């Protein structure tokens, strides 16, 4: 039997098909559930499938920013159309950037350039998108302003202080420490700034993306933006992705051991850029193969990927699954047996919830370290994982820097997704094996993977 999604009136972020329309539900087979909730029916047979994964949210939003600042027309192919990326497109369009979308072809044509940024006053609604808000807080300083950046209550609660302080050091006039931020505009100058890397790598990425547009010289005659990390940088692969995307648009960054970065004023050049499938989104399906003993392949993600989250398959390999890679594909085959691991996920924290659910199927405990900073994501993801697994009867403990998950079979019941797309997608995996697992708010997957449940249904 297939999952059924029952929509309550007025629901936001209703899952959409790959073409952008709503997922048809009339043909779905299901049990009856309460409005707007979803029961995941266990698989009748082991999956054997090639799974289509949408474009990378992280790559899409970085490429949109670079294209918006490049003087001319750029084309992005394989773009993700979801709430987070659409928030970026809307905000860039409000700033004056030309955004022409083709959802069927998953293509966006961007007519950009710093000189296209319109004067304000303008208000930018950034919804729940952390990448959009952190990146545009830096980029908006390059325009004439004034601009007000705001978003949902969930986004208002997320930290911005280190980014705001760094931008002020470069001459930006910003009012506020959290959203809403009021940005006077007028540009930033070259100079040396210190910024924390332990709260979110998005602060550093936002500064890097805006740095080529700085004016020279700085207050002390500096001819480049020099960014010095005041503590340990988390999520380094996302910074690598930022630098690689900037390089694709002709902007160079000097990275000195992830401790010091320097960027000279320089133009972005318009390009045609393919967007990879999302490695974080792929993790749910790779985990599905591991816990069911099935086989799942994802095309477009191979050994040459620029996304660090594909490293999740290496953890599955350590746990006992078989992993195969080609130049542009990756495949996971479950062995029917998984052992626990001790792993630092500081460089791919978006897979922490996926691993937590996977770990409950292992034969020994799994300890996850290095992810204390994900308490500052959409929700406190460490606490949420522990609380929801415990509620379903699986032993889970908050431990220094993360959590420890013990093997167990969950009891039937409702998982509180807490308006977090990754909670919904990761805990859906429990229902592929165990009956009676219900998600209270499946619509929240629209943030990054609108047709997640339609794709999950392909495993049948």
Protein backbone atom coordinates (compact mmCIF):
# COMPACT_ATOMS: atom_id res chain seq x y z
CA UNK A 1 0.00 0.00 0.00
CA UNK A 2 1.14 3.51 -0.73
CA UNK A 3 1.21 6.53 1.54
CA UNK A 4 -1.66 8.94 1.28
CA UNK A 5 -1.38 12.66 1.84
CA UNK A 6 -4.57 14.33 3.01
CA UNK A 7 -4.50 18.09 2.70
CA UNK A 8 -6.08 20.48 5.17
CA UNK A 9 -7.43 23.76 3.78
CA UNK A 10 -4.82 26.48 3.52
CA UNK A 11 -1.78 24.27 3.99
CA UNK A 12 1.48 25.95 2.99
CA UNK A 13 4.21 24.30 0.95
CA UNK A 14 1.98 21.63 -0.50
CA UNK A 15 4.25 19.02 -2.12
CA UNK A 16 4.61 19.52 -5.85
CA UNK A 17 5.58 17.33 -8.74
CA UNK A 18 8.87 17.71 -10.55
CA UNK A 19 7.02 19.97 -13.00
CA UNK A 20 5.92 22.26 -10.16
CA UNK A 21 2.25 21.21 -9.95
CA UNK A 22 0.58 19.44 -7.03
CA UNK A 23 1.11 15.71 -6.59
CA UNK A 24 -1.98 13.81 -7.66
CA UNK A 25 -3.40 11.80 -4.77
CA UNK A 26 -6.47 10.20 -6.31
CA UNK A 27 -4.57 7.15 -7.48
CA UNK A 28 -2.71 6.61 -4.21
CA UNK A 29 -3.73 3.64 -2.07
CA UNK A 30 -3.71 4.14 1.69
CA UNK A 31 -5.16 3.75 5.10
CA UNK A 32 -7.33 6.54 6.45
CA UNK A 33 -5.46 9.13 8.50
CA UNK A 34 -6.25 12.50 10.02
CA UNK A 35 -6.25 15.59 7.78
CA UNK A 36 -2.82 16.81 6.71
CA UNK A 37 -0.98 13.87 8.29
CA UNK A 38 0.64 10.97 6.50
CA UNK A 39 1.12 7.31 7.30
CA UNK A 40 4.04 5.62 5.58
CA UNK A 41 3.16 2.06 4.62
CA UNK A 42 5.97 -0.53 4.86
CA UNK A 43 7.47 -1.77 1.62
CA UNK A 44 6.18 -5.14 0.48
CA UNK A 45 9.46 -6.04 -1.27
CA UNK A 46 13.02 -4.76 -1.18
CA UNK A 47 13.42 -1.69 -3.40
CA UNK A 48 15.40 -1.94 -6.62
CA UNK A 49 15.27 1.46 -8.27
CA UNK A 50 17.02 4.34 -9.93
CA UNK A 51 15.72 7.36 -8.02
CA UNK A 52 15.45 10.88 -9.50
CA UNK A 53 16.77 13.49 -7.09
CA UNK A 54 16.02 17.21 -7.54
CA UNK A 55 18.72 19.80 -7.96
CA UNK A 56 20.90 20.78 -5.02
CA UNK A 57 19.42 23.56 -2.91
CA UNK A 58 22.88 24.65 -1.80
CA UNK A 59 24.28 24.70 -5.33
CA UNK A 60 21.16 26.40 -6.75
CA UNK A 61 21.19 29.27 -4.26
CA UNK A 62 24.92 29.89 -4.61
CA UNK A 63 24.68 29.88 -8.40
CA UNK A 64 21.69 32.24 -8.31
CA UNK A 65 23.70 34.75 -6.26
CA UNK A 66 26.76 34.56 -8.50
CA UNK A 67 24.63 34.90 -11.63
CA UNK A 68 22.77 37.84 -10.09
CA UNK A 69 26.07 39.68 -9.52
CA UNK A 70 27.53 38.77 -12.93
CA UNK A 71 27.14 41.50 -15.53
CA UNK A 72 25.15 39.76 -18.24
CA UNK A 73 23.00 36.71 -18.87
CA UNK A 74 23.63 33.36 -17.16
CA UNK A 75 21.76 30.07 -17.55
CA UNK A 76 21.36 27.57 -14.71
CA UNK A 77 20.24 24.05 -15.66
CA UNK A 78 18.87 21.41 -13.28
CA UNK A 79 17.69 24.04 -10.81
CA UNK A 80 15.75 23.08 -7.70
CA UNK A 81 12.31 24.67 -7.50
CA UNK A 82 11.36 24.56 -3.82
CA UNK A 83 10.47 27.01 -1.08
CA UNK A 84 14.09 27.87 -0.19
CA UNK A 85 15.25 28.49 -3.75
CA UNK A 86 12.06 30.29 -4.74
CA UNK A 87 12.61 32.63 -1.78
CA UNK A 88 16.01 33.44 -3.29
CA UNK A 89 14.55 34.02 -6.77
CA UNK A 90 11.79 36.28 -5.44
CA UNK A 91 14.24 38.33 -3.39
CA UNK A 92 16.71 38.75 -6.26
CA UNK A 93 13.87 39.78 -8.58
CA UNK A 94 12.72 42.34 -6.01
CA UNK A 95 16.25 43.74 -6.00
CA UNK A 96 16.05 44.22 -9.78
CA UNK A 97 17.76 41.07 -11.09
CA UNK A 98 16.11 39.50 -14.15
CA UNK A 99 14.84 36.00 -13.28
CA UNK A 100 13.24 33.98 -16.10
CA UNK A 101 12.14 30.49 -15.00
CA UNK A 102 11.29 27.34 -16.93
CA UNK A 103 10.05 24.81 -14.38
CA UNK A 104 9.48 22.05 -16.91
CA UNK A 105 13.11 22.19 -18.05
CA UNK A 106 14.30 23.08 -14.52
CA UNK A 107 16.10 26.09 -15.98
CA UNK A 108 16.58 29.66 -14.81
CA UNK A 109 17.97 32.45 -16.98
CA UNK A 110 19.43 35.28 -14.90
CA UNK A 111 20.09 38.79 -16.22
CA UNK A 112 22.42 40.14 -13.57
CA UNK A 113 24.95 42.74 -12.53
CA UNK A 114 25.56 44.83 -9.42
CA UNK A 115 24.41 47.88 -11.33
CA UNK A 116 20.98 46.25 -11.74
CA UNK A 117 20.31 46.37 -7.98
CA UNK A 118 17.45 48.81 -7.50
CA UNK A 119 17.26 51.54 -4.89
CA UNK A 120 14.79 51.05 -2.08
CA UNK A 121 12.97 51.18 0.09
CA UNK A 122 12.34 47.49 -0.60
CA UNK A 123 11.29 44.68 1.71
CA UNK A 124 12.57 41.17 1.00
CA UNK A 125 10.54 38.23 2.35
CA UNK A 126 12.99 35.36 2.84
CA UNK A 127 10.42 32.87 4.20
CA UNK A 128 12.32 30.16 6.13
CA UNK A 129 15.46 30.06 4.00
CA UNK A 130 18.69 30.28 5.99
CA UNK A 131 20.91 30.29 2.90
CA UNK A 132 18.87 33.04 1.25
CA UNK A 133 18.84 35.24 4.33
CA UNK A 134 22.55 34.89 5.18
CA UNK A 135 23.69 35.30 1.56
CA UNK A 136 21.44 38.26 0.80
CA UNK A 137 22.28 40.03 4.06
CA UNK A 138 25.77 40.34 2.58
CA UNK A 139 24.78 40.87 -1.06
CA UNK A 140 22.22 43.59 -0.23
CA UNK A 141 25.01 45.75 1.17
CA UNK A 142 26.28 46.11 -2.43
CA UNK A 143 23.07 47.79 -3.62
CA UNK A 144 21.94 51.38 -3.13
CA UNK A 145 19.37 50.41 -0.46
CA UNK A 146 17.63 50.85 1.80
CA UNK A 147 16.36 47.30 2.16
CA UNK A 148 14.57 45.39 4.93
CA UNK A 149 15.23 41.64 5.13
CA UNK A 150 12.61 39.63 7.00
CA UNK A 151 11.16 36.14 7.12
CA UNK A 152 9.04 33.65 9.05
CA UNK A 153 9.17 33.47 12.84
CA UNK A 154 11.34 30.36 12.58
CA UNK A 155 13.93 32.30 10.56
CA UNK A 156 13.73 35.30 12.88
CA UNK A 157 14.90 33.05 15.70
CA UNK A 158 18.08 31.99 13.89
CA UNK A 159 21.40 33.76 14.59
CA UNK A 160 22.79 36.53 12.39
CA UNK A 161 25.05 38.38 14.84
CA UNK A 162 28.49 37.24 13.62
CA UNK A 163 27.60 38.05 9.99
CA UNK A 164 26.19 41.47 10.85
CA UNK A 165 29.27 42.36 12.93
CA UNK A 166 31.60 41.34 10.09
CA UNK A 167 29.69 43.38 7.51
CA UNK A 168 29.71 46.42 9.78
CA UNK A 169 33.49 46.09 10.00
CA UNK A 170 33.55 46.47 6.20
CA UNK A 171 31.54 49.68 6.40
CA UNK A 172 28.01 48.32 6.00
CA UNK A 173 25.21 50.24 7.72
CA UNK A 174 22.94 47.55 9.20
CA UNK A 175 20.32 47.94 11.91
CA UNK A 176 19.48 44.78 13.85
CA UNK A 177 21.09 41.58 15.13
CA UNK A 178 18.32 39.23 13.97
CA UNK A 179 15.70 39.48 11.27
CA UNK A 180 14.29 41.92 10.41
CA UNK A 181 17.55 43.54 9.29
CA UNK A 182 17.57 47.07 7.88
CA UNK A 183 20.40 47.58 5.40
CA UNK A 184 21.19 51.09 4.22
CA UNK A 185 23.22 49.87 1.23
CA UNK A 186 25.93 51.83 -0.51
CA UNK A 187 28.58 49.13 -0.73
CA UNK A 188 31.31 47.60 1.42
CA UNK A 189 35.02 48.32 1.39
CA UNK A 190 38.03 46.07 1.46
CA UNK A 191 39.57 45.25 4.81
CA UNK A 192 40.26 42.57 7.40
CA UNK A 193 37.39 41.05 9.37
CA UNK A 194 37.06 38.30 11.95
CA UNK A 195 34.06 35.98 11.91
CA UNK A 196 32.95 32.88 13.79
CA UNK A 197 32.81 29.65 11.83
CA UNK A 198 31.38 27.47 14.60
CA UNK A 199 27.76 28.69 14.46
CA UNK A 200 27.12 28.43 10.71
CA UNK A 201 29.31 28.23 7.62
CA UNK A 202 26.65 30.36 5.89
CA UNK A 203 28.13 33.47 7.52
CA UNK A 204 31.44 32.85 5.78
CA UNK A 205 29.77 31.87 2.50
CA UNK A 206 27.70 35.06 2.49
CA UNK A 207 30.81 37.18 3.03
CA UNK A 208 32.72 35.34 0.31
CA UNK A 209 29.89 35.75 -2.21
CA UNK A 210 29.69 39.50 -1.61
CA UNK A 211 33.45 40.13 -1.34
CA UNK A 212 34.19 40.47 -5.10
CA UNK A 213 31.84 43.47 -5.13
CA UNK A 214 33.77 45.35 -2.43
CA UNK A 215 35.30 48.72 -3.27
CA UNK A 216 39.01 49.36 -2.84
CA UNK A 217 40.88 50.56 -0.93
CA UNK A 218 39.78 49.81 2.62
CA UNK A 219 40.00 52.18 5.57
CA UNK A 220 43.71 51.35 6.01
CA UNK A 221 44.51 51.03 2.34
CA UNK A 222 43.68 47.32 2.01
CA UNK A 223 43.14 46.07 -1.55
CA UNK A 224 41.18 42.89 -0.71
CA UNK A 225 38.67 41.47 1.72
CA UNK A 226 40.51 39.31 4.23
CA UNK A 227 38.32 37.01 6.35
CA UNK A 228 39.92 35.39 9.41
CA UNK A 229 38.09 32.62 11.26
CA UNK A 230 37.99 33.24 15.00
CA UNK A 231 37.21 29.61 15.80
CA UNK A 232 36.80 26.20 14.16
CA UNK A 233 34.84 26.19 10.89
CA UNK A 234 31.96 23.73 10.63
CA UNK A 235 30.54 22.36 7.38
CA UNK A 236 33.73 22.93 5.38
CA UNK A 237 32.37 21.19 2.24
CA UNK A 238 29.68 23.87 1.97
CA UNK A 239 32.39 26.52 1.91
CA UNK A 240 34.16 24.46 -0.76
CA UNK A 241 30.91 24.52 -2.74
CA UNK A 242 30.71 28.30 -2.37
CA UNK A 243 34.28 28.74 -3.61
CA UNK A 244 33.75 26.29 -6.50
CA UNK A 245 30.57 28.10 -7.58
CA UNK A 246 32.32 31.47 -7.43
CA UNK A 247 35.16 30.03 -9.52
CA UNK A 248 32.65 28.82 -12.12
CA UNK A 249 31.61 32.48 -12.50
CA UNK A 250 35.21 33.70 -12.68
CA UNK A 251 35.78 34.90 -9.10
CA UNK A 252 38.88 33.66 -7.27
CA UNK A 253 39.17 32.98 -3.54
CA UNK A 254 42.40 32.28 -1.69
CA UNK A 255 41.77 29.69 1.06
CA UNK A 256 44.52 29.23 3.63
CA UNK A 257 43.72 26.01 5.53
CA UNK A 258 40.16 27.17 6.31
CA UNK A 259 41.60 29.75 8.70
CA UNK A 260 42.05 32.75 6.43
CA UNK A 261 40.31 33.64 3.17
CA UNK A 262 41.10 36.56 0.88
CA UNK A 263 39.16 37.93 -2.07
CA UNK A 264 40.19 40.84 -4.29
CA UNK A 265 37.55 43.08 -5.92
CA UNK A 266 36.73 41.46 -9.27
CA UNK A 267 33.78 40.97 -11.60
CA UNK A 268 31.69 37.86 -11.79
CA UNK A 269 31.33 36.68 -15.39
CA UNK A 270 28.04 35.26 -16.75
CA UNK A 271 28.08 31.52 -17.37
CA UNK A 272 26.00 28.46 -18.17
CA UNK A 273 26.14 26.22 -15.11
CA UNK A 274 24.64 22.74 -14.52
CA UNK A 275 23.24 22.14 -11.03
CA UNK A 276 23.96 18.75 -9.48
CA UNK A 277 21.28 16.61 -7.82
CA UNK A 278 21.05 17.29 -4.09
CA UNK A 279 23.35 14.98 -2.11
CA UNK A 280 21.55 15.71 1.16
CA UNK A 281 18.23 14.71 -0.43
CA UNK A 282 19.84 11.58 -1.85
CA UNK A 283 20.87 10.48 1.65
CA UNK A 284 17.30 9.43 2.50
CA UNK A 285 17.18 7.03 -0.43
CA UNK A 286 20.65 5.64 0.12
CA UNK A 287 19.63 5.00 3.73
CA UNK A 288 16.42 3.32 2.50
CA UNK A 289 18.54 0.80 0.58
CA UNK A 290 20.71 0.17 3.63
CA UNK A 291 17.83 -0.47 6.06
CA UNK A 292 15.74 -2.61 3.68
CA UNK A 293 18.48 -4.65 2.00
CA UNK A 294 17.50 -3.18 -1.35
CA UNK A 295 19.39 -1.42 -4.14
CA UNK A 296 19.07 2.26 -4.99
CA UNK A 297 21.04 4.22 -7.56
CA UNK A 298 21.17 7.99 -8.04
CA UNK A 299 22.31 9.37 -11.38
CA UNK A 300 24.22 12.63 -11.59
CA UNK A 301 26.08 12.20 -8.30
CA UNK A 302 29.42 10.47 -8.68
CA UNK A 303 33.00 10.51 -7.60
CA UNK A 304 33.56 14.01 -8.97
CA UNK A 305 30.76 15.73 -7.02
CA UNK A 306 31.37 19.09 -5.38
CA UNK A 307 28.95 18.22 -2.53
CA UNK A 308 30.36 16.93 0.72
CA UNK A 309 27.12 15.26 1.82
CA UNK A 310 27.68 12.43 -0.63
CA UNK A 311 30.19 11.27 1.99
CA UNK A 312 27.15 9.85 3.79
CA UNK A 313 27.48 6.73 1.64
CA UNK A 314 30.94 6.15 3.12
CA UNK A 315 29.30 5.90 6.53
CA UNK A 316 26.78 3.41 5.15
CA UNK A 317 29.74 1.46 3.78
CA UNK A 318 31.30 1.38 7.26
CA UNK A 319 27.99 0.19 8.67
CA UNK A 320 27.90 -2.79 6.30
CA UNK A 321 26.17 -1.67 3.10
CA UNK A 322 27.81 -2.01 -0.31
CA UNK A 323 28.59 1.26 -2.08
CA UNK A 324 29.42 1.54 -5.78
CA UNK A 325 30.41 4.73 -7.60
CA UNK A 326 30.85 5.82 -11.18
CA UNK A 327 31.86 9.16 -12.60
CA UNK A 328 28.25 10.37 -12.51
CA UNK A 329 26.31 7.86 -10.43
CA UNK A 330 26.29 6.31 -6.96
CA UNK A 331 24.59 3.12 -5.81
CA UNK A 332 23.95 1.62 -2.37
CA UNK A 333 23.03 -2.03 -1.84
CA UNK A 334 21.85 -3.13 1.58
CA UNK A 335 23.44 -6.23 3.06
CA UNK A 336 20.69 -7.08 5.52
CA UNK A 337 23.05 -6.31 8.41
CA UNK A 338 24.17 -2.95 9.79
CA UNK A 339 26.59 -2.30 12.64
CA UNK A 340 26.84 0.89 14.66
CA UNK A 341 29.57 3.48 14.10
CA UNK A 342 31.23 6.38 15.91
CA UNK A 343 31.35 9.30 13.51
CA UNK A 344 32.01 13.05 13.39
CA UNK A 345 29.38 14.70 11.17
CA UNK A 346 30.57 18.31 11.52
CA UNK A 347 31.22 18.46 7.76
CA UNK A 348 27.87 16.98 6.69
CA UNK A 349 25.45 17.78 9.47
CA UNK A 350 22.41 17.80 7.17
CA UNK A 351 22.64 14.00 7.14
CA UNK A 352 22.59 13.69 10.94
CA UNK A 353 18.87 12.98 11.17
CA UNK A 354 19.11 10.44 8.34
CA UNK A 355 21.91 8.62 10.18
CA UNK A 356 20.00 8.71 13.46
CA UNK A 357 17.07 6.83 11.94
CA UNK A 358 19.39 4.45 10.08
CA UNK A 359 21.25 3.75 13.32
CA UNK A 360 18.13 2.36 14.96
CA UNK A 361 18.34 -0.57 12.48
CA UNK A 362 21.93 -1.44 13.44
CA UNK A 363 23.04 -4.19 15.80
CA UNK A 364 25.11 -1.92 18.05
CA UNK A 365 24.94 1.73 19.17
CA UNK A 366 25.90 4.65 16.93
CA UNK A 367 27.49 7.79 18.34
CA UNK A 368 27.31 11.00 16.30
CA UNK A 369 29.69 13.83 17.26
CA UNK A 370 30.54 17.32 16.02
CA UNK A 371 26.96 18.48 15.44
CA UNK A 372 26.16 20.58 18.48
CA UNK A 373 25.74 23.59 16.16
CA UNK A 374 22.65 22.10 14.49
CA UNK A 375 20.65 23.23 17.51
CA UNK A 376 20.69 26.57 15.64
CA UNK A 377 19.07 25.21 12.47
CA UNK A 378 15.33 25.38 11.73
CA UNK A 379 14.89 23.73 15.14
CA UNK A 380 17.20 22.17 17.71
CA UNK A 381 17.79 19.09 15.58
CA UNK A 382 19.78 17.23 18.22
CA UNK A 383 16.99 17.52 20.78
CA UNK A 384 14.29 16.78 18.21
CA UNK A 385 15.92 13.54 17.06
CA UNK A 386 16.38 12.30 20.63
CA UNK A 387 12.86 13.22 21.68
CA UNK A 388 11.10 11.71 18.66
CA UNK A 389 13.03 8.44 18.70
CA UNK A 390 12.47 8.15 22.45
CA UNK A 391 8.75 8.79 21.96
CA UNK A 392 8.65 5.84 19.57
CA UNK A 393 10.40 3.57 22.09
CA UNK A 394 13.92 3.70 20.63
CA UNK A 395 16.66 4.51 23.11
CA UNK A 396 18.38 7.75 22.17
CA UNK A 397 20.55 10.00 24.31
CA UNK A 398 21.95 13.49 23.92
CA UNK A 399 25.71 13.15 24.35
CA UNK A 400 28.57 15.68 24.15
CA UNK A 401 28.54 17.24 20.68
CA UNK A 402 25.62 15.19 19.40
CA UNK A 403 23.68 12.04 20.26
CA UNK A 404 23.92 8.27 20.66
CA UNK A 405 21.30 6.00 19.09
CA UNK A 406 20.71 2.41 20.17
CA UNK A 407 19.15 -0.38 18.09
CA UNK A 408 15.41 -0.86 18.47
CA UNK A 409 12.03 -1.32 16.81
CA UNK A 410 9.74 1.72 16.98
CA UNK A 411 6.22 1.57 18.29
CA UNK A 412 3.45 2.89 16.04
CA UNK A 413 2.55 6.52 16.47
CA UNK A 414 2.91 10.06 15.24
CA UNK A 415 6.26 11.73 14.67
CA UNK A 416 6.24 15.48 15.29
CA UNK A 417 8.09 16.95 12.35
CA UNK A 418 8.22 20.38 14.06
CA UNK A 419 8.00 22.19 10.72
CA UNK A 420 11.44 20.80 9.80
CA UNK A 421 11.73 19.26 6.35
CA UNK A 422 14.63 17.00 7.38
CA UNK A 423 12.70 15.56 10.33
CA UNK A 424 9.88 14.58 7.98
CA UNK A 425 12.10 12.99 5.33
CA UNK A 426 14.38 11.12 7.72
CA UNK A 427 11.63 9.75 9.98
CA UNK A 428 9.63 8.63 6.94
CA UNK A 429 12.31 5.93 6.61
CA UNK A 430 11.05 4.23 9.78
CA UNK A 431 7.71 3.65 8.07
CA UNK A 432 9.30 1.82 5.13
CA UNK A 433 9.97 -1.09 7.50
CA UNK A 434 7.76 -0.63 10.57
CA UNK A 435 3.96 -0.23 10.39
CA UNK A 436 2.01 2.62 11.91
CA UNK A 437 4.52 5.47 11.53
CA UNK A 438 2.68 8.72 10.92
CA UNK A 439 4.10 12.17 10.12
CA UNK A 440 2.07 15.04 11.53
CA UNK A 441 3.10 17.65 8.94
CA UNK A 442 4.37 16.17 5.67
CA UNK A 443 3.93 19.48 3.84
CA UNK A 444 7.10 20.85 5.43
CA UNK A 445 9.21 18.93 2.86
CA UNK A 446 8.27 21.68 0.39
CA UNK A 447 11.16 23.69 1.80
CA UNK A 448 13.73 21.68 -0.19
CA UNK A 449 12.09 18.61 -1.80
CA UNK A 450 8.45 19.29 -2.76
CA UNK A 451 7.79 15.93 -4.41
CA UNK A 452 9.66 13.83 -1.82
CA UNK A 453 6.74 11.51 -1.11
CA UNK A 454 6.06 10.93 -4.80
CA UNK A 455 9.71 9.95 -5.26
CA UNK A 456 9.60 7.79 -2.12
CA UNK A 457 6.62 6.01 -3.64
CA UNK A 458 8.83 4.95 -6.58
CA UNK A 459 10.56 2.52 -4.22
CA UNK A 460 7.38 0.42 -4.48
